[in-house]
Amino acid sequence: MDFSKITRPITRLLEKDVEFVFDDDCLRAFEYLKERLVSAPILIAPDWSLPFELMCDASDFAVGAVLGQRVDKHFHPIYYASKTLDAAQENYTTTEKELLAVVYAFDKFRSYLVLSKTVVYTDHAALRYLFAKKDVKPRLIRWILLLSEFDIEIKDKKGAENVAADHLSRLEDPEREFIREAAMRDSRRSSPSAAVCHYHQHPSPSSVSTTTTTVPPP
């Protein structure tokens, strides 16, 4: 199940000029989120002797990434990250959104990856597009410069465990605060909607292809 779609009824309430109506769709999403908050996968600490793996994905309105390592042939997550797209980013092409997910992940996990070998599961065509495009936009130049700092091996995500990134909640920081605060208040009150209304009034600030492509370090 695509978690980003499940959370959409709630996250839309945070958009500008949207009437705050906590309807049945929002309540179902809210209850599902509470269930997921107490059943998250157990994360592991990084092993600096092993390469890191990144699984990235993008939807029409968000990008998500999972950082992890493969131990005994099994992928174990270390860190989850996600963000919603702004109005300009929502107009990016599908390829550019896939690229944005990769760039976002490397920027987010820079402290883990800058001196390490990293295997990235994403769309080959997307990365080829980035490095082969002749009419390069300024933002693509910034992306190329950022990625050139890292030792990257790219693998096709088809058949991979990239489902983890696809099912990521993909909530931006204010939205995560929304979920956390609503869940905490609901644990102390009889009405779930009371917690949500309080937050609204008092928001917090806040099988893999064998063909690989290697991007050498600078």
C-alpha atoms as a PDB file:
ATOM      1  CA  MET A   1       0.000   0.000   0.000  1.00  0.00           C
ATOM      2  CA  ASP A   2       1.372   3.448  -0.975  1.00  0.00           C
ATOM      3  CA  PHE A   3       1.684   5.296   2.309  1.00  0.00           C
ATOM      4  CA  SER A   4       2.087   8.679   0.632  1.00  0.00           C
ATOM      5  CA  LYS A   5      -1.390   8.309  -0.851  1.00  0.00           C
ATOM      6  CA  ILE A   6      -2.831   7.296   2.507  1.00  0.00           C
ATOM      7  CA  THR A   7      -1.543  10.439   4.188  1.00  0.00           C
ATOM      8  CA  ARG A   8      -2.702  12.760   1.405  1.00  0.00           C
ATOM      9  CA  PRO A   9      -6.103  13.603   2.966  1.00  0.00           C
ATOM     10  CA  ILE A  10      -4.328  14.877   6.096  1.00  0.00           C
ATOM     11  CA  THR A  11      -1.381  16.626   4.480  1.00  0.00           C
ATOM     12  CA  ARG A  12      -3.709  18.545   2.182  1.00  0.00           C
ATOM     13  CA  LEU A  13      -5.178  20.229   5.260  1.00  0.00           C
ATOM     14  CA  LEU A  14      -1.843  21.998   5.759  1.00  0.00           C
ATOM     15  CA  GLU A  15      -1.951  23.663   2.358  1.00  0.00           C
ATOM     16  CA  LYS A  16      -2.706  27.348   2.061  1.00  0.00           C
ATOM     17  CA  ASP A  17      -6.342  28.386   1.615  1.00  0.00           C
ATOM     18  CA  VAL A  18      -7.631  24.824   2.196  1.00  0.00           C
ATOM     19  CA  GLU A  19     -10.582  24.615   4.569  1.00  0.00           C
ATOM     20  CA  PHE A  20      -9.774  22.491   7.617  1.00  0.00           C
ATOM     21  CA  VAL A  21     -12.390  19.732   7.419  1.00  0.00           C
ATOM     22  CA  PHE A  22     -11.345  16.529   9.175  1.00  0.00           C
ATOM     23  CA  ASP A  23     -13.602  14.134   7.250  1.00  0.00           C
ATOM     24  CA  ASP A  24     -13.870  10.336   7.184  1.00  0.00           C
ATOM     25  CA  ASP A  25     -10.911  10.000   4.790  1.00  0.00           C
ATOM     26  CA  CYS A  26      -8.742  11.997   7.183  1.00  0.00           C
ATOM     27  CA  LEU A  27      -9.881   9.944  10.161  1.00  0.00           C
ATOM     28  CA  ARG A  28      -9.061   6.675   8.388  1.00  0.00           C
ATOM     29  CA  ALA A  29      -5.611   8.000   7.462  1.00  0.00           C
ATOM     30  CA  PHE A  30      -5.085   9.237  11.028  1.00  0.00           C
ATOM     31  CA  GLU A  31      -5.952   5.875  12.576  1.00  0.00           C
ATOM     32  CA  TYR A  32      -3.693   4.063  10.106  1.00  0.00           C
ATOM     33  CA  LEU A  33      -0.827   6.415  10.886  1.00  0.00           C
ATOM     34  CA  LYS A  34      -1.181   5.794  14.608  1.00  0.00           C
ATOM     35  CA  GLU A  35      -0.964   2.074  13.938  1.00  0.00           C
ATOM     36  CA  ARG A  36       2.181   2.513  11.825  1.00  0.00           C
ATOM     37  CA  LEU A  37       3.855   4.794  14.378  1.00  0.00           C
ATOM     38  CA  VAL A  38       3.992   1.961  16.889  1.00  0.00           C
ATOM     39  CA  SER A  39       5.032  -0.743  14.411  1.00  0.00           C
ATOM     40  CA  ALA A  40       7.997   0.815  12.599  1.00  0.00           C
ATOM     41  CA  PRO A  41      10.856  -1.453  11.428  1.00  0.00           C
ATOM     42  CA  ILE A  42      13.844  -1.647  13.736  1.00  0.00           C
ATOM     43  CA  LEU A  43      16.790   0.403  12.490  1.00  0.00           C
ATOM     44  CA  ILE A  44      20.418  -0.684  12.713  1.00  0.00           C
ATOM     45  CA  ALA A  45      23.581   1.280  13.414  1.00  0.00           C
ATOM     46  CA  PRO A  46      25.918   1.816  10.402  1.00  0.00           C
ATOM     47  CA  ASP A  47      28.868  -0.520   9.835  1.00  0.00           C
ATOM     48  CA  TRP A  48      31.590   1.681   8.336  1.00  0.00           C
ATOM     49  CA  SER A  49      33.370  -1.345   6.829  1.00  0.00           C
ATOM     50  CA  LEU A  50      30.399  -2.016   4.522  1.00  0.00           C
ATOM     51  CA  PRO A  51      29.105  -0.018   1.539  1.00  0.00           C
ATOM     52  CA  PHE A  52      25.896   1.905   1.999  1.00  0.00           C
ATOM     53  CA  GLU A  53      22.790   1.412  -0.124  1.00  0.00           C
ATOM     54  CA  LEU A  54      20.223   4.015  -1.051  1.00  0.00           C
ATOM     55  CA  MET A  55      16.713   3.292  -2.282  1.00  0.00           C
ATOM     56  CA  CYS A  56      15.045   6.348  -3.757  1.00  0.00           C
ATOM     57  CA  ASP A  57      11.626   6.991  -5.208  1.00  0.00           C
ATOM     58  CA  ALA A  58       9.404   9.889  -6.220  1.00  0.00           C
ATOM     59  CA  SER A  59       5.688  10.455  -6.576  1.00  0.00           C
ATOM     60  CA  ASP A  60       3.770  13.364  -8.046  1.00  0.00           C
ATOM     61  CA  PHE A  61       4.015  15.351  -4.830  1.00  0.00           C
ATOM     62  CA  ALA A  62       6.842  13.885  -2.714  1.00  0.00           C
ATOM     63  CA  VAL A  63      10.236  12.179  -2.703  1.00  0.00           C
ATOM     64  CA  GLY A  64      11.515   9.562  -0.289  1.00  0.00           C
ATOM     65  CA  ALA A  65      14.710   7.640   0.422  1.00  0.00           C
ATOM     66  CA  VAL A  66      15.890   4.800   2.628  1.00  0.00           C
ATOM     67  CA  LEU A  67      19.534   4.540   3.691  1.00  0.00           C
ATOM     68  CA  GLY A  68      20.721   1.098   4.719  1.00  0.00           C
ATOM     69  CA  GLN A  69      23.291  -1.663   4.427  1.00  0.00           C
ATOM     70  CA  ARG A  70      23.160  -5.260   3.258  1.00  0.00           C
ATOM     71  CA  VAL A  71      24.065  -7.786   5.951  1.00  0.00           C
ATOM     72  CA  ASP A  72      23.989 -11.515   5.100  1.00  0.00           C
ATOM     73  CA  LYS A  73      22.289 -10.646   1.803  1.00  0.00           C
ATOM     74  CA  HIS A  74      19.446  -8.842   3.583  1.00  0.00           C
ATOM     75  CA  PHE A  75      18.863  -5.099   3.433  1.00  0.00           C
ATOM     76  CA  HIS A  76      18.604  -3.403   6.824  1.00  0.00           C
ATOM     77  CA  PRO A  77      17.439   0.225   7.092  1.00  0.00           C
ATOM     78  CA  ILE A  78      19.487   2.836   8.936  1.00  0.00           C
ATOM     79  CA  TYR A  79      17.585   6.017   8.199  1.00  0.00           C
ATOM     80  CA  TYR A  80      14.347   7.062   6.507  1.00  0.00           C
ATOM     81  CA  ALA A  81      13.880  10.490   4.956  1.00  0.00           C
ATOM     82  CA  SER A  82      11.226  12.215   2.890  1.00  0.00           C
ATOM     83  CA  LYS A  83       9.886  15.581   1.856  1.00  0.00           C
ATOM     84  CA  THR A  84       6.930  16.967  -0.032  1.00  0.00           C
ATOM     85  CA  LEU A  85       7.543  18.913  -3.229  1.00  0.00           C
ATOM     86  CA  ASP A  86       6.948  22.608  -3.497  1.00  0.00           C
ATOM     87  CA  ALA A  87       4.800  24.094  -6.261  1.00  0.00           C
ATOM     88  CA  ALA A  88       7.741  24.458  -8.686  1.00  0.00           C
ATOM     89  CA  GLN A  89       9.055  20.941  -8.055  1.00  0.00           C
ATOM     90  CA  GLU A  90       5.608  19.440  -8.679  1.00  0.00           C
ATOM     91  CA  ASN A  91       5.977  20.701 -12.273  1.00  0.00           C
ATOM     92  CA  TYR A  92       9.229  18.791 -12.828  1.00  0.00           C
ATOM     93  CA  THR A  93       9.167  15.945 -15.334  1.00  0.00           C
ATOM     94  CA  THR A  94       8.994  12.382 -13.982  1.00  0.00           C
ATOM     95  CA  THR A  95      12.695  11.941 -14.758  1.00  0.00           C
ATOM     96  CA  GLU A  96      13.614  15.115 -12.928  1.00  0.00           C
ATOM     97  CA  LYS A  97      11.597  14.035  -9.902  1.00  0.00           C
ATOM     98  CA  GLU A  98      13.454  10.697  -9.853  1.00  0.00           C
ATOM     99  CA  LEU A  99      16.713  12.632  -9.988  1.00  0.00           C
ATOM    100  CA  LEU A 100      15.566  14.985  -7.280  1.00  0.00           C
ATOM    101  CA  ALA A 101      14.944  12.008  -4.992  1.00  0.00           C
ATOM    102  CA  VAL A 102      18.554  10.867  -5.475  1.00  0.00           C
ATOM    103  CA  VAL A 103      19.987  14.350  -4.956  1.00  0.00           C
ATOM    104  CA  TYR A 104      17.830  14.871  -1.892  1.00  0.00           C
ATOM    105  CA  ALA A 105      19.048  11.567  -0.430  1.00  0.00           C
ATOM    106  CA  PHE A 106      22.738  12.376  -0.925  1.00  0.00           C
ATOM    107  CA  ASP A 107      22.294  15.832   0.515  1.00  0.00           C
ATOM    108  CA  LYS A 108      20.369  14.466   3.491  1.00  0.00           C
ATOM    109  CA  PHE A 109      22.790  11.596   4.209  1.00  0.00           C
ATOM    110  CA  ARG A 110      25.994  13.442   3.275  1.00  0.00           C
ATOM    111  CA  SER A 111      27.693  12.749   6.615  1.00  0.00           C
ATOM    112  CA  TYR A 112      27.270   9.007   6.058  1.00  0.00           C
ATOM    113  CA  LEU A 113      28.140   8.842   2.356  1.00  0.00           C
ATOM    114  CA  VAL A 114      30.831  11.388   1.541  1.00  0.00           C
ATOM    115  CA  LEU A 115      33.761   9.019   2.220  1.00  0.00           C
ATOM    116  CA  SER A 116      31.962   5.744   1.518  1.00  0.00           C
ATOM    117  CA  LYS A 117      31.013   3.593  -1.456  1.00  0.00           C
ATOM    118  CA  THR A 118      27.282   3.931  -2.126  1.00  0.00           C
ATOM    119  CA  VAL A 119      25.020   1.691  -4.204  1.00  0.00           C
ATOM    120  CA  VAL A 120      21.980   3.595  -5.448  1.00  0.00           C
ATOM    121  CA  TYR A 121      18.815   1.824  -6.571  1.00  0.00           C
ATOM    122  CA  THR A 122      16.964   4.060  -8.982  1.00  0.00           C
ATOM    123  CA  ASP A 123      16.048   4.456 -12.647  1.00  0.00           C
ATOM    124  CA  HIS A 124      19.090   4.119 -14.957  1.00  0.00           C
ATOM    125  CA  ALA A 125      17.525   6.414 -17.527  1.00  0.00           C
ATOM    126  CA  ALA A 126      17.190   9.158 -14.965  1.00  0.00           C
ATOM    127  CA  LEU A 127      20.889   9.208 -14.128  1.00  0.00           C
ATOM    128  CA  ARG A 128      21.940   8.908 -17.765  1.00  0.00           C
ATOM    129  CA  TYR A 129      19.721  11.868 -18.490  1.00  0.00           C
ATOM    130  CA  LEU A 130      21.474  13.936 -15.839  1.00  0.00           C
ATOM    131  CA  PHE A 131      25.006  13.315 -17.067  1.00  0.00           C
ATOM    132  CA  ALA A 132      24.305  13.262 -20.831  1.00  0.00           C
ATOM    133  CA  LYS A 133      21.936  16.190 -21.223  1.00  0.00           C
ATOM    134  CA  LYS A 134      23.549  18.977 -23.257  1.00  0.00           C
ATOM    135  CA  ASP A 135      21.105  21.786 -22.611  1.00  0.00           C
ATOM    136  CA  VAL A 136      21.658  21.766 -18.871  1.00  0.00           C
ATOM    137  CA  LYS A 137      19.467  23.827 -16.589  1.00  0.00           C
ATOM    138  CA  PRO A 138      21.112  25.591 -13.619  1.00  0.00           C
ATOM    139  CA  ARG A 139      19.518  23.211 -11.144  1.00  0.00           C
ATOM    140  CA  LEU A 140      20.891  20.198 -13.061  1.00  0.00           C
ATOM    141  CA  ILE A 141      24.368  21.712 -12.837  1.00  0.00           C
ATOM    142  CA  ARG A 142      23.924  21.976  -9.068  1.00  0.00           C
ATOM    143  CA  TRP A 143      22.818  18.335  -8.927  1.00  0.00           C
ATOM    144  CA  ILE A 144      25.828  17.171 -10.978  1.00  0.00           C
ATOM    145  CA  LEU A 145      28.216  19.083  -8.711  1.00  0.00           C
ATOM    146  CA  LEU A 146      26.660  17.585  -5.611  1.00  0.00           C
ATOM    147  CA  LEU A 147      26.768  13.998  -6.910  1.00  0.00           C
ATOM    148  CA  SER A 148      30.360  14.360  -8.171  1.00  0.00           C
ATOM    149  CA  GLU A 149      31.551  14.404  -4.556  1.00  0.00           C
ATOM    150  CA  PHE A 150      30.460  10.816  -3.983  1.00  0.00           C
ATOM    151  CA  ASP A 151      31.586   7.331  -5.044  1.00  0.00           C
ATOM    152  CA  ILE A 152      28.355   6.048  -6.571  1.00  0.00           C
ATOM    153  CA  GLU A 153      27.375   2.757  -8.171  1.00  0.00           C
ATOM    154  CA  ILE A 154      23.955   2.906  -9.801  1.00  0.00           C
ATOM    155  CA  LYS A 155      21.738  -0.159 -10.114  1.00  0.00           C
ATOM    156  CA  ASP A 156      18.387  -0.500 -11.787  1.00  0.00           C
ATOM    157  CA  LYS A 157      15.635  -0.562  -9.199  1.00  0.00           C
ATOM    158  CA  LYS A 158      13.412  -2.922 -11.200  1.00  0.00           C
ATOM    159  CA  GLY A 159      12.832  -5.986  -9.034  1.00  0.00           C
ATOM    160  CA  ALA A 160      14.817  -4.538  -6.167  1.00  0.00           C
ATOM    161  CA  GLU A 161      13.609  -3.856  -2.661  1.00  0.00           C
ATOM    162  CA  ASN A 162      12.817  -0.295  -3.659  1.00  0.00           C
ATOM    163  CA  VAL A 163       9.316  -0.862  -2.357  1.00  0.00           C
ATOM    164  CA  ALA A 164      10.607   0.491   0.959  1.00  0.00           C
ATOM    165  CA  ALA A 165      11.138   3.943  -0.491  1.00  0.00           C
ATOM    166  CA  ASP A 166       7.856   3.783  -2.382  1.00  0.00           C
ATOM    167  CA  HIS A 167       5.938   3.056   0.810  1.00  0.00           C
ATOM    168  CA  LEU A 168       7.700   5.725   2.828  1.00  0.00           C
ATOM    169  CA  SER A 169       5.421   8.206   4.517  1.00  0.00           C
ATOM    170  CA  ARG A 170       7.064  11.107   2.669  1.00  0.00           C
ATOM    171  CA  LEU A 171       5.971  13.697   5.138  1.00  0.00           C
ATOM    172  CA  GLU A 172       7.741  17.030   5.354  1.00  0.00           C
ATOM    173  CA  ASP A 173       8.829  18.188   8.823  1.00  0.00           C
ATOM    174  CA  PRO A 174       5.713  20.232   9.700  1.00  0.00           C
ATOM    175  CA  GLU A 175       3.532  17.331   8.652  1.00  0.00           C
ATOM    176  CA  ARG A 176       5.510  14.906  10.796  1.00  0.00           C
ATOM    177  CA  GLU A 177       5.013  17.251  13.732  1.00  0.00           C
ATOM    178  CA  PHE A 178       1.296  17.189  12.936  1.00  0.00           C
ATOM    179  CA  ILE A 179       1.178  13.388  13.100  1.00  0.00           C
ATOM    180  CA  ARG A 180       3.287  13.117  16.265  1.00  0.00           C
ATOM    181  CA  GLU A 181       1.372  15.720  18.196  1.00  0.00           C
ATOM    182  CA  ALA A 182      -2.032  14.436  17.126  1.00  0.00           C
ATOM    183  CA  ALA A 183      -1.091  10.875  18.093  1.00  0.00           C
ATOM    184  CA  MET A 184       0.213  11.933  21.522  1.00  0.00           C
ATOM    185  CA  ARG A 185      -2.865  13.961  22.345  1.00  0.00           C
ATOM    186  CA  ASP A 186      -5.187  11.205  21.168  1.00  0.00           C
ATOM    187  CA  SER A 187      -3.512   8.797  23.578  1.00  0.00           C
ATOM    188  CA  ARG A 188      -4.686  11.041  26.436  1.00  0.00           C
ATOM    189  CA  ARG A 189      -8.063  12.105  25.102  1.00  0.00           C
ATOM    190  CA  SER A 190     -11.164  10.228  24.015  1.00  0.00           C
ATOM    191  CA  SER A 191     -11.577  12.024  20.675  1.00  0.00           C
ATOM    192  CA  PRO A 192      -8.902  11.783  17.946  1.00  0.00           C
ATOM    193  CA  SER A 193     -10.245  14.841  16.199  1.00  0.00           C
ATOM    194  CA  ALA A 194      -9.751  16.956  19.321  1.00  0.00           C
ATOM    195  CA  ALA A 195      -5.992  16.440  19.074  1.00  0.00           C
ATOM    196  CA  VAL A 196      -5.969  17.343  15.406  1.00  0.00           C
ATOM    197  CA  CYS A 197      -7.984  20.494  15.986  1.00  0.00           C
ATOM    198  CA  HIS A 198      -5.616  21.530  18.791  1.00  0.00           C
ATOM    199  CA  TYR A 199      -2.631  21.115  16.480  1.00  0.00           C
ATOM    200  CA  HIS A 200      -4.337  23.166  13.782  1.00  0.00           C
ATOM    201  CA  GLN A 201      -4.807  25.987  16.288  1.00  0.00           C
ATOM    202  CA  HIS A 202      -1.315  25.675  17.810  1.00  0.00           C
ATOM    203  CA  PRO A 203       1.070  24.359  15.098  1.00  0.00           C
ATOM    204  CA  SER A 204       4.636  23.436  16.011  1.00  0.00           C
ATOM    205  CA  PRO A 205       7.606  24.954  14.057  1.00  0.00           C
ATOM    206  CA  SER A 206       9.842  22.995  13.040  1.00  0.00           C
ATOM    207  CA  SER A 207      15.869  -9.007  -8.366  1.00  0.00           C
ATOM    208  CA  VAL A 208      18.273  -6.111  -9.212  1.00  0.00           C
ATOM    209  CA  SER A 209      19.654  -5.776 -12.774  1.00  0.00           C
ATOM    210  CA  THR A 210      23.198  -7.086 -13.181  1.00  0.00           C
ATOM    211  CA  THR A 211      24.060  -4.108 -15.371  1.00  0.00           C
ATOM    212  CA  THR A 212      25.548  -1.311 -13.329  1.00  0.00           C
ATOM    213  CA  THR A 213      26.802   2.177 -14.003  1.00  0.00           C
ATOM    214  CA  THR A 214      29.599   3.599 -11.907  1.00  0.00           C
ATOM    215  CA  VAL A 215      30.064   7.285 -11.249  1.00  0.00           C
ATOM    216  CA  PRO A 216      33.715   7.683 -10.160  1.00  0.00           C
ATOM    217  CA  PRO A 217      34.653   9.951  -7.278  1.00  0.00           C
ATOM    218  CA  PRO A 218      36.161  13.311  -8.197  1.00  0.00           C
END
